[in-house]
Amino acid sequence: MLDALAHRSHIAQLIKRAGGAVLMLDFDGTLAPIVSNPNKATISARMRRALILCSRRFSTAIVSGRALVNIRKHVRVKNISLVGNHGFEWIITGKRGLRTVSLAKTRALRAVSKELLVLESLYSGIYVEDKKHSVSVNYRIARVHRAAIERYVRNIVRRASAKHLRIMGGIFVFNIIPNVGWGKGKAAIMLFARLKNSRKAIPIFIGDEPTDEDAFKALRRGVTIRVKNGTNARTAARYTLNNVESVRKFLLWLAALS
């Protein structure tokens, strides 16, 4: 796997040849360090500055599993697009949008959300979050019970109606979303199509999560970068960066491209 910082000259050539790029990034583990409590994740002032500089040079967007309102609260950068809930809601160039799902799938998600709350009383350190368009079970603090938690989550989803919902694994999190063949990959394709400023522009997607693999696969002709954060997981990304600080350095370099 190629290190993105070490291969900056090649990436610069790709962008120059394409006549532009669209920058898309995950939030947790990419712009902000991973923390035990997702509510306490913060983006540093230095990272925010790097993001602002990049947004002046390229069309820029955040693509996250977080709810849209949550991303806005944490990022606080003007003139960038935001995609939340694994692609199910967005604000692109100031315009809101939503991936609609059937009433049956919405009801199944609500039922699962209520039943999963029991996990918080069964295992200390679990945090179940209903984000309206998806539900997440964060178990970083309770990770020693991962197998039992996964069985519980899968049983609940199966009982609610497996055909309406699907489970996506993440880093110490299980995500439950409507089963409509939609996710970060298709959302990234849509986002890129709306934001690119030239026919030949290329996408740049940076993320650290297993859920970002959808986007890496969907954007194969672009610059895809997996943030390792101490792991060496298999990835469809073409490049890697070591950690959040490496992402910041890459963004500063990207913003300075002539």
C-alpha atoms as a PDB file:
ATOM      1  CA  MET A   1       0.000   0.000   0.000  1.00  0.00           C
ATOM      2  CA  LEU A   2       1.330   3.435  -0.970  1.00  0.00           C
ATOM      3  CA  ASP A   3       1.742   6.221   1.570  1.00  0.00           C
ATOM      4  CA  ALA A   4      -0.108   9.312   0.310  1.00  0.00           C
ATOM      5  CA  LEU A   5       2.426  11.765   1.720  1.00  0.00           C
ATOM      6  CA  ALA A   6       5.332   9.876   0.185  1.00  0.00           C
ATOM      7  CA  HIS A   7       3.577   9.858  -3.210  1.00  0.00           C
ATOM      8  CA  ARG A   8       2.429  13.475  -3.235  1.00  0.00           C
ATOM      9  CA  SER A   9       4.087  14.219  -6.570  1.00  0.00           C
ATOM     10  CA  HIS A  10       2.121  11.454  -8.308  1.00  0.00           C
ATOM     11  CA  ILE A  11      -1.155  12.589  -6.708  1.00  0.00           C
ATOM     12  CA  ALA A  12      -0.384  16.166  -7.802  1.00  0.00           C
ATOM     13  CA  GLN A  13       0.085  14.944 -11.377  1.00  0.00           C
ATOM     14  CA  LEU A  14      -3.268  13.134 -11.283  1.00  0.00           C
ATOM     15  CA  ILE A  15      -5.061  16.268 -10.084  1.00  0.00           C
ATOM     16  CA  LYS A  16      -3.308  18.504 -12.615  1.00  0.00           C
ATOM     17  CA  ARG A  17      -4.047  16.117 -15.475  1.00  0.00           C
ATOM     18  CA  ALA A  18      -7.721  15.961 -14.420  1.00  0.00           C
ATOM     19  CA  GLY A  19      -8.021  19.723 -14.151  1.00  0.00           C
ATOM     20  CA  GLY A  20      -9.432  19.589 -10.625  1.00  0.00           C
ATOM     21  CA  ALA A  21     -10.688  17.413  -7.811  1.00  0.00           C
ATOM     22  CA  VAL A  22     -13.448  17.011  -5.260  1.00  0.00           C
ATOM     23  CA  LEU A  23     -12.300  16.342  -1.692  1.00  0.00           C
ATOM     24  CA  MET A  24     -14.428  14.076   0.540  1.00  0.00           C
ATOM     25  CA  LEU A  25     -13.525  13.025   4.088  1.00  0.00           C
ATOM     26  CA  ASP A  26     -14.924  10.966   6.914  1.00  0.00           C
ATOM     27  CA  PHE A  27     -15.061  12.667  10.325  1.00  0.00           C
ATOM     28  CA  ASP A  28     -14.179  10.279  13.189  1.00  0.00           C
ATOM     29  CA  GLY A  29     -10.663   8.870  12.903  1.00  0.00           C
ATOM     30  CA  THR A  30      -9.958  11.108   9.920  1.00  0.00           C
ATOM     31  CA  LEU A  31     -10.550  14.719  10.943  1.00  0.00           C
ATOM     32  CA  ALA A  32     -10.998  14.028  14.658  1.00  0.00           C
ATOM     33  CA  PRO A  33      -9.236  11.416  16.816  1.00  0.00           C
ATOM     34  CA  ILE A  34     -11.293   8.385  17.869  1.00  0.00           C
ATOM     35  CA  VAL A  35     -12.542   8.710  21.463  1.00  0.00           C
ATOM     36  CA  SER A  36     -14.451   6.365  23.772  1.00  0.00           C
ATOM     37  CA  ASN A  37     -17.527   8.613  23.822  1.00  0.00           C
ATOM     38  CA  PRO A  38     -18.536   9.796  20.320  1.00  0.00           C
ATOM     39  CA  ASN A  39     -20.129  12.903  21.833  1.00  0.00           C
ATOM     40  CA  LYS A  40     -16.708  14.058  23.010  1.00  0.00           C
ATOM     41  CA  ALA A  41     -14.991  13.877  19.627  1.00  0.00           C
ATOM     42  CA  THR A  42     -13.453  17.212  18.605  1.00  0.00           C
ATOM     43  CA  ILE A  43     -11.705  18.604  15.564  1.00  0.00           C
ATOM     44  CA  SER A  44      -8.652  20.639  16.494  1.00  0.00           C
ATOM     45  CA  ALA A  45      -8.250  24.301  15.529  1.00  0.00           C
ATOM     46  CA  ARG A  46      -5.243  23.328  13.371  1.00  0.00           C
ATOM     47  CA  MET A  47      -7.262  20.676  11.526  1.00  0.00           C
ATOM     48  CA  ARG A  48     -10.161  23.090  11.044  1.00  0.00           C
ATOM     49  CA  ARG A  49      -7.743  25.591   9.555  1.00  0.00           C
ATOM     50  CA  ALA A  50      -6.383  22.960   7.147  1.00  0.00           C
ATOM     51  CA  LEU A  51      -9.946  22.062   6.139  1.00  0.00           C
ATOM     52  CA  ILE A  52     -10.822  25.716   5.524  1.00  0.00           C
ATOM     53  CA  LEU A  53      -7.743  26.171   3.345  1.00  0.00           C
ATOM     54  CA  CYS A  54      -8.639  23.071   1.321  1.00  0.00           C
ATOM     55  CA  SER A  55     -12.221  24.244   0.850  1.00  0.00           C
ATOM     56  CA  ARG A  56     -10.888  27.429  -0.767  1.00  0.00           C
ATOM     57  CA  ARG A  57      -8.944  25.356  -3.296  1.00  0.00           C
ATOM     58  CA  PHE A  58     -11.319  22.396  -3.902  1.00  0.00           C
ATOM     59  CA  SER A  59     -14.997  21.583  -3.503  1.00  0.00           C
ATOM     60  CA  THR A  60     -14.978  19.853  -0.109  1.00  0.00           C
ATOM     61  CA  ALA A  61     -17.418  17.606   1.747  1.00  0.00           C
ATOM     62  CA  ILE A  62     -17.664  15.537   4.926  1.00  0.00           C
ATOM     63  CA  VAL A  63     -19.205  12.067   4.526  1.00  0.00           C
ATOM     64  CA  SER A  64     -20.006  10.529   7.911  1.00  0.00           C
ATOM     65  CA  GLY A  65     -22.140   8.012   9.724  1.00  0.00           C
ATOM     66  CA  ARG A  66     -23.058  10.749  12.189  1.00  0.00           C
ATOM     67  CA  ALA A  67     -26.391  12.546  11.945  1.00  0.00           C
ATOM     68  CA  LEU A  68     -26.254  15.674   9.812  1.00  0.00           C
ATOM     69  CA  VAL A  69     -27.019  17.999  12.728  1.00  0.00           C
ATOM     70  CA  ASN A  70     -24.189  16.375  14.685  1.00  0.00           C
ATOM     71  CA  ILE A  71     -21.642  16.887  11.902  1.00  0.00           C
ATOM     72  CA  ARG A  72     -22.587  20.555  11.551  1.00  0.00           C
ATOM     73  CA  LYS A  73     -22.101  21.077  15.278  1.00  0.00           C
ATOM     74  CA  HIS A  74     -18.659  19.474  15.298  1.00  0.00           C
ATOM     75  CA  VAL A  75     -17.172  20.739  12.019  1.00  0.00           C
ATOM     76  CA  ARG A  76     -18.271  24.395  11.953  1.00  0.00           C
ATOM     77  CA  VAL A  77     -16.708  25.199   8.585  1.00  0.00           C
ATOM     78  CA  LYS A  78     -18.622  27.300   6.057  1.00  0.00           C
ATOM     79  CA  ASN A  79     -18.930  26.538   2.355  1.00  0.00           C
ATOM     80  CA  ILE A  80     -18.461  22.787   2.580  1.00  0.00           C
ATOM     81  CA  SER A  81     -21.048  20.119   1.856  1.00  0.00           C
ATOM     82  CA  LEU A  82     -22.124  17.574   4.472  1.00  0.00           C
ATOM     83  CA  VAL A  83     -23.423  14.034   4.103  1.00  0.00           C
ATOM     84  CA  GLY A  84     -24.691  12.255   7.215  1.00  0.00           C
ATOM     85  CA  ASN A  85     -26.182   8.949   8.306  1.00  0.00           C
ATOM     86  CA  HIS A  86     -24.029   6.906   5.891  1.00  0.00           C
ATOM     87  CA  GLY A  87     -25.391   8.853   2.929  1.00  0.00           C
ATOM     88  CA  PHE A  88     -29.091   9.031   3.835  1.00  0.00           C
ATOM     89  CA  GLU A  89     -29.183  12.821   4.407  1.00  0.00           C
ATOM     90  CA  TRP A  90     -27.147  15.710   3.070  1.00  0.00           C
ATOM     91  CA  ILE A  91     -26.561  19.401   2.513  1.00  0.00           C
ATOM     92  CA  ILE A  92     -24.807  19.878  -0.826  1.00  0.00           C
ATOM     93  CA  THR A  93     -23.917  23.457  -1.795  1.00  0.00           C
ATOM     94  CA  GLY A  94     -26.494  24.663   0.704  1.00  0.00           C
ATOM     95  CA  LYS A  95     -29.343  22.451  -0.540  1.00  0.00           C
ATOM     96  CA  ARG A  96     -30.816  19.790   1.745  1.00  0.00           C
ATOM     97  CA  GLY A  97     -31.622  16.310   0.500  1.00  0.00           C
ATOM     98  CA  LEU A  98     -32.739  12.941   1.779  1.00  0.00           C
ATOM     99  CA  ARG A  99     -32.677   9.350   0.560  1.00  0.00           C
ATOM    100  CA  THR A 100     -36.299   8.339   1.031  1.00  0.00           C
ATOM    101  CA  VAL A 101     -37.204   4.864   2.284  1.00  0.00           C
ATOM    102  CA  SER A 102     -40.472   2.995   2.617  1.00  0.00           C
ATOM    103  CA  LEU A 103     -42.704   3.288   5.671  1.00  0.00           C
ATOM    104  CA  ALA A 104     -42.123  -0.412   6.437  1.00  0.00           C
ATOM    105  CA  LYS A 105     -38.353   0.098   6.622  1.00  0.00           C
ATOM    106  CA  THR A 106     -38.757   3.206   8.774  1.00  0.00           C
ATOM    107  CA  ARG A 107     -41.018   1.343  11.195  1.00  0.00           C
ATOM    108  CA  ALA A 108     -38.583  -1.577  11.364  1.00  0.00           C
ATOM    109  CA  LEU A 109     -35.745   0.822  12.213  1.00  0.00           C
ATOM    110  CA  ARG A 110     -37.792   2.475  14.987  1.00  0.00           C
ATOM    111  CA  ALA A 111     -38.687  -0.924  16.473  1.00  0.00           C
ATOM    112  CA  VAL A 112     -35.045  -2.058  16.430  1.00  0.00           C
ATOM    113  CA  SER A 113     -33.907   1.170  18.037  1.00  0.00           C
ATOM    114  CA  LYS A 114     -36.239   0.693  21.005  1.00  0.00           C
ATOM    115  CA  GLU A 115     -35.219  -2.921  21.538  1.00  0.00           C
ATOM    116  CA  LEU A 116     -31.494  -2.189  21.288  1.00  0.00           C
ATOM    117  CA  LEU A 117     -31.687   0.281  24.175  1.00  0.00           C
ATOM    118  CA  VAL A 118     -31.797  -2.757  26.474  1.00  0.00           C
ATOM    119  CA  LEU A 119     -28.117  -3.293  25.671  1.00  0.00           C
ATOM    120  CA  GLU A 120     -27.205  -0.185  27.670  1.00  0.00           C
ATOM    121  CA  SER A 121     -28.460  -1.884  30.835  1.00  0.00           C
ATOM    122  CA  LEU A 122     -26.934  -5.266  29.980  1.00  0.00           C
ATOM    123  CA  TYR A 123     -23.378  -4.077  29.331  1.00  0.00           C
ATOM    124  CA  SER A 124     -21.620  -1.124  30.926  1.00  0.00           C
ATOM    125  CA  GLY A 125     -20.140   1.291  28.388  1.00  0.00           C
ATOM    126  CA  ILE A 126     -22.522   0.653  25.497  1.00  0.00           C
ATOM    127  CA  TYR A 127     -24.080   3.670  23.810  1.00  0.00           C
ATOM    128  CA  VAL A 128     -27.093   3.181  21.511  1.00  0.00           C
ATOM    129  CA  GLU A 129     -27.812   6.179  19.286  1.00  0.00           C
ATOM    130  CA  ASP A 130     -30.985   6.613  17.239  1.00  0.00           C
ATOM    131  CA  LYS A 131     -30.060   9.007  14.425  1.00  0.00           C
ATOM    132  CA  LYS A 132     -33.503   8.818  12.761  1.00  0.00           C
ATOM    133  CA  HIS A 133     -32.156   7.460   9.474  1.00  0.00           C
ATOM    134  CA  SER A 134     -29.872   4.897  11.113  1.00  0.00           C
ATOM    135  CA  VAL A 135     -29.084   3.415  14.515  1.00  0.00           C
ATOM    136  CA  SER A 136     -25.627   2.815  15.939  1.00  0.00           C
ATOM    137  CA  VAL A 137     -24.483   0.587  18.802  1.00  0.00           C
ATOM    138  CA  ASN A 138     -21.128   1.888  20.065  1.00  0.00           C
ATOM    139  CA  TYR A 139     -19.348  -0.713  22.185  1.00  0.00           C
ATOM    140  CA  ARG A 140     -15.714   0.504  22.371  1.00  0.00           C
ATOM    141  CA  ILE A 141     -15.689   0.451  26.202  1.00  0.00           C
ATOM    142  CA  ALA A 142     -17.550  -2.905  26.258  1.00  0.00           C
ATOM    143  CA  ARG A 143     -15.522  -4.500  23.440  1.00  0.00           C
ATOM    144  CA  VAL A 144     -14.634  -7.571  25.538  1.00  0.00           C
ATOM    145  CA  HIS A 145     -18.304  -8.556  25.053  1.00  0.00           C
ATOM    146  CA  ARG A 146     -18.250  -8.037  21.292  1.00  0.00           C
ATOM    147  CA  ALA A 147     -19.443 -11.517  20.316  1.00  0.00           C
ATOM    148  CA  ALA A 148     -22.418 -11.445  22.691  1.00  0.00           C
ATOM    149  CA  ILE A 149     -23.344  -7.906  21.620  1.00  0.00           C
ATOM    150  CA  GLU A 150     -23.216  -8.847  17.951  1.00  0.00           C
ATOM    151  CA  ARG A 151     -25.466 -11.880  18.530  1.00  0.00           C
ATOM    152  CA  TYR A 152     -27.966  -9.680  20.354  1.00  0.00           C
ATOM    153  CA  VAL A 153     -27.961  -7.040  17.599  1.00  0.00           C
ATOM    154  CA  ARG A 154     -28.380  -9.626  14.824  1.00  0.00           C
ATOM    155  CA  ASN A 155     -31.223 -11.377  16.650  1.00  0.00           C
ATOM    156  CA  ILE A 156     -33.071  -8.099  17.158  1.00  0.00           C
ATOM    157  CA  VAL A 157     -32.680  -7.096  13.507  1.00  0.00           C
ATOM    158  CA  ARG A 158     -33.747 -10.562  12.349  1.00  0.00           C
ATOM    159  CA  ARG A 159     -36.904 -10.431  14.455  1.00  0.00           C
ATOM    160  CA  ALA A 160     -37.779  -6.926  13.282  1.00  0.00           C
ATOM    161  CA  SER A 161     -37.501  -8.025   9.627  1.00  0.00           C
ATOM    162  CA  ALA A 162     -34.135  -8.744   8.100  1.00  0.00           C
ATOM    163  CA  LYS A 163     -35.297  -7.795   4.591  1.00  0.00           C
ATOM    164  CA  HIS A 164     -35.941  -4.199   5.665  1.00  0.00           C
ATOM    165  CA  LEU A 165     -32.646  -3.536   7.446  1.00  0.00           C
ATOM    166  CA  ARG A 166     -28.957  -4.320   7.174  1.00  0.00           C
ATOM    167  CA  ILE A 167     -26.079  -4.269   9.646  1.00  0.00           C
ATOM    168  CA  MET A 168     -22.732  -2.667   8.842  1.00  0.00           C
ATOM    169  CA  GLY A 169     -19.763  -3.259  11.083  1.00  0.00           C
ATOM    170  CA  GLY A 170     -17.463  -0.383  11.989  1.00  0.00           C
ATOM    171  CA  ILE A 171     -14.671   0.276  14.466  1.00  0.00           C
ATOM    172  CA  PHE A 172     -16.280  -0.868  17.737  1.00  0.00           C
ATOM    173  CA  VAL A 173     -19.716  -0.013  16.375  1.00  0.00           C
ATOM    174  CA  PHE A 174     -22.616  -1.788  14.693  1.00  0.00           C
ATOM    175  CA  ASN A 175     -24.631   0.386  12.312  1.00  0.00           C
ATOM    176  CA  ILE A 176     -28.186  -0.507  11.344  1.00  0.00           C
ATOM    177  CA  ILE A 177     -29.503   1.179   8.211  1.00  0.00           C
ATOM    178  CA  PRO A 178     -32.472   0.687   5.848  1.00  0.00           C
ATOM    179  CA  ASN A 179     -31.780  -2.035   3.296  1.00  0.00           C
ATOM    180  CA  VAL A 180     -32.209  -0.036   0.097  1.00  0.00           C
ATOM    181  CA  GLY A 181     -28.868  -0.616  -1.628  1.00  0.00           C
ATOM    182  CA  TRP A 182     -27.590   2.761  -0.494  1.00  0.00           C
ATOM    183  CA  GLY A 183     -24.546   3.778   1.534  1.00  0.00           C
ATOM    184  CA  LYS A 184     -21.382   5.846   1.494  1.00  0.00           C
ATOM    185  CA  GLY A 185     -20.345   4.513  -1.914  1.00  0.00           C
ATOM    186  CA  LYS A 186     -23.417   5.621  -3.859  1.00  0.00           C
ATOM    187  CA  ALA A 187     -23.653   8.795  -1.783  1.00  0.00           C
ATOM    188  CA  ALA A 188     -20.040   9.632  -2.704  1.00  0.00           C
ATOM    189  CA  ILE A 189     -20.756   9.089  -6.413  1.00  0.00           C
ATOM    190  CA  MET A 190     -23.767  11.420  -6.180  1.00  0.00           C
ATOM    191  CA  LEU A 191     -21.756  13.988  -4.226  1.00  0.00           C
ATOM    192  CA  PHE A 192     -18.868  13.917  -6.677  1.00  0.00           C
ATOM    193  CA  ALA A 193     -21.204  14.359  -9.662  1.00  0.00           C
ATOM    194  CA  ARG A 194     -22.759  17.437  -8.069  1.00  0.00           C
ATOM    195  CA  LEU A 195     -19.540  19.064  -6.880  1.00  0.00           C
ATOM    196  CA  LYS A 196     -17.038  18.474  -9.683  1.00  0.00           C
ATOM    197  CA  ASN A 197     -16.154  21.597 -11.632  1.00  0.00           C
ATOM    198  CA  SER A 198     -14.879  19.884 -14.755  1.00  0.00           C
ATOM    199  CA  ARG A 199     -15.746  16.762 -16.722  1.00  0.00           C
ATOM    200  CA  LYS A 200     -12.372  15.148 -16.007  1.00  0.00           C
ATOM    201  CA  ALA A 201     -12.113  16.098 -12.310  1.00  0.00           C
ATOM    202  CA  ILE A 202     -11.178  13.270  -9.954  1.00  0.00           C
ATOM    203  CA  PRO A 203     -12.545  12.376  -6.508  1.00  0.00           C
ATOM    204  CA  ILE A 204     -10.333  12.290  -3.409  1.00  0.00           C
ATOM    205  CA  PHE A 205     -11.852  10.282  -0.566  1.00  0.00           C
ATOM    206  CA  ILE A 206     -10.173   9.905   2.847  1.00  0.00           C
ATOM    207  CA  GLY A 207     -11.559   7.665   5.597  1.00  0.00           C
ATOM    208  CA  ASP A 208     -10.596   5.184   8.282  1.00  0.00           C
ATOM    209  CA  GLU A 209     -13.724   3.047   8.734  1.00  0.00           C
ATOM    210  CA  PRO A 210     -14.812  -0.269   7.229  1.00  0.00           C
ATOM    211  CA  THR A 211     -17.903   1.663   6.073  1.00  0.00           C
ATOM    212  CA  ASP A 212     -15.598   3.875   3.964  1.00  0.00           C
ATOM    213  CA  GLU A 213     -14.633   0.826   1.913  1.00  0.00           C
ATOM    214  CA  ASP A 214     -17.897   1.284  -0.033  1.00  0.00           C
ATOM    215  CA  ALA A 215     -16.625   4.675  -1.173  1.00  0.00           C
ATOM    216  CA  PHE A 216     -13.121   3.389  -1.943  1.00  0.00           C
ATOM    217  CA  LYS A 217     -14.615   0.725  -4.225  1.00  0.00           C
ATOM    218  CA  ALA A 218     -17.076   3.126  -5.847  1.00  0.00           C
ATOM    219  CA  LEU A 219     -14.359   5.713  -6.600  1.00  0.00           C
ATOM    220  CA  ARG A 220     -11.657   3.416  -7.961  1.00  0.00           C
ATOM    221  CA  ARG A 221     -10.488   5.907 -10.601  1.00  0.00           C
ATOM    222  CA  GLY A 222      -9.871   8.535  -7.953  1.00  0.00           C
ATOM    223  CA  VAL A 223      -7.454   9.076  -5.089  1.00  0.00           C
ATOM    224  CA  THR A 224      -8.710   6.908  -2.235  1.00  0.00           C
ATOM    225  CA  ILE A 225      -6.902   6.984   1.107  1.00  0.00           C
ATOM    226  CA  ARG A 226      -7.349   4.757   4.166  1.00  0.00           C
ATOM    227  CA  VAL A 227      -6.271   6.246   7.507  1.00  0.00           C
ATOM    228  CA  LYS A 228      -4.610   3.394   9.402  1.00  0.00           C
ATOM    229  CA  ASN A 229      -4.723   4.684  12.988  1.00  0.00           C
ATOM    230  CA  GLY A 230      -2.468   1.872  14.179  1.00  0.00           C
ATOM    231  CA  THR A 231      -4.113  -0.914  12.160  1.00  0.00           C
ATOM    232  CA  ASN A 232      -3.199  -2.669   8.928  1.00  0.00           C
ATOM    233  CA  ALA A 233      -6.649  -3.729   7.777  1.00  0.00           C
ATOM    234  CA  ARG A 234      -7.167  -4.864   4.183  1.00  0.00           C
ATOM    235  CA  THR A 235      -8.493  -2.011   2.090  1.00  0.00           C
ATOM    236  CA  ALA A 236      -9.640  -1.151  -1.416  1.00  0.00           C
ATOM    237  CA  ALA A 237      -7.982   2.272  -1.073  1.00  0.00           C
ATOM    238  CA  ARG A 238      -4.981   3.066  -3.287  1.00  0.00           C
ATOM    239  CA  TYR A 239      -3.109   4.968  -0.586  1.00  0.00           C
ATOM    240  CA  THR A 240      -2.816   5.181   3.187  1.00  0.00           C
ATOM    241  CA  LEU A 241      -2.072   7.801   5.824  1.00  0.00           C
ATOM    242  CA  ASN A 242      -0.864   6.893   9.290  1.00  0.00           C
ATOM    243  CA  ASN A 243      -3.179   8.931  11.511  1.00  0.00           C
ATOM    244  CA  VAL A 244      -5.212  12.128  11.952  1.00  0.00           C
ATOM    245  CA  GLU A 245      -2.067  14.269  12.081  1.00  0.00           C
ATOM    246  CA  SER A 246      -0.958  12.784   8.749  1.00  0.00           C
ATOM    247  CA  VAL A 247      -4.354  13.756   7.334  1.00  0.00           C
ATOM    248  CA  ARG A 248      -3.805  17.347   8.482  1.00  0.00           C
ATOM    249  CA  LYS A 249      -0.381  17.471   6.810  1.00  0.00           C
ATOM    250  CA  PHE A 250      -1.848  16.039   3.609  1.00  0.00           C
ATOM    251  CA  LEU A 251      -4.630  18.649   3.607  1.00  0.00           C
ATOM    252  CA  LEU A 252      -2.138  21.489   4.059  1.00  0.00           C
ATOM    253  CA  TRP A 253      -0.129  20.182   1.131  1.00  0.00           C
ATOM    254  CA  LEU A 254      -3.277  19.760  -0.961  1.00  0.00           C
ATOM    255  CA  ALA A 255      -4.418  23.317  -0.210  1.00  0.00           C
ATOM    256  CA  ALA A 256      -1.046  24.692  -1.339  1.00  0.00           C
ATOM    257  CA  LEU A 257      -1.087  22.980  -4.748  1.00  0.00           C
ATOM    258  CA  SER A 258      -0.679  25.476  -7.575  1.00  0.00           C
END
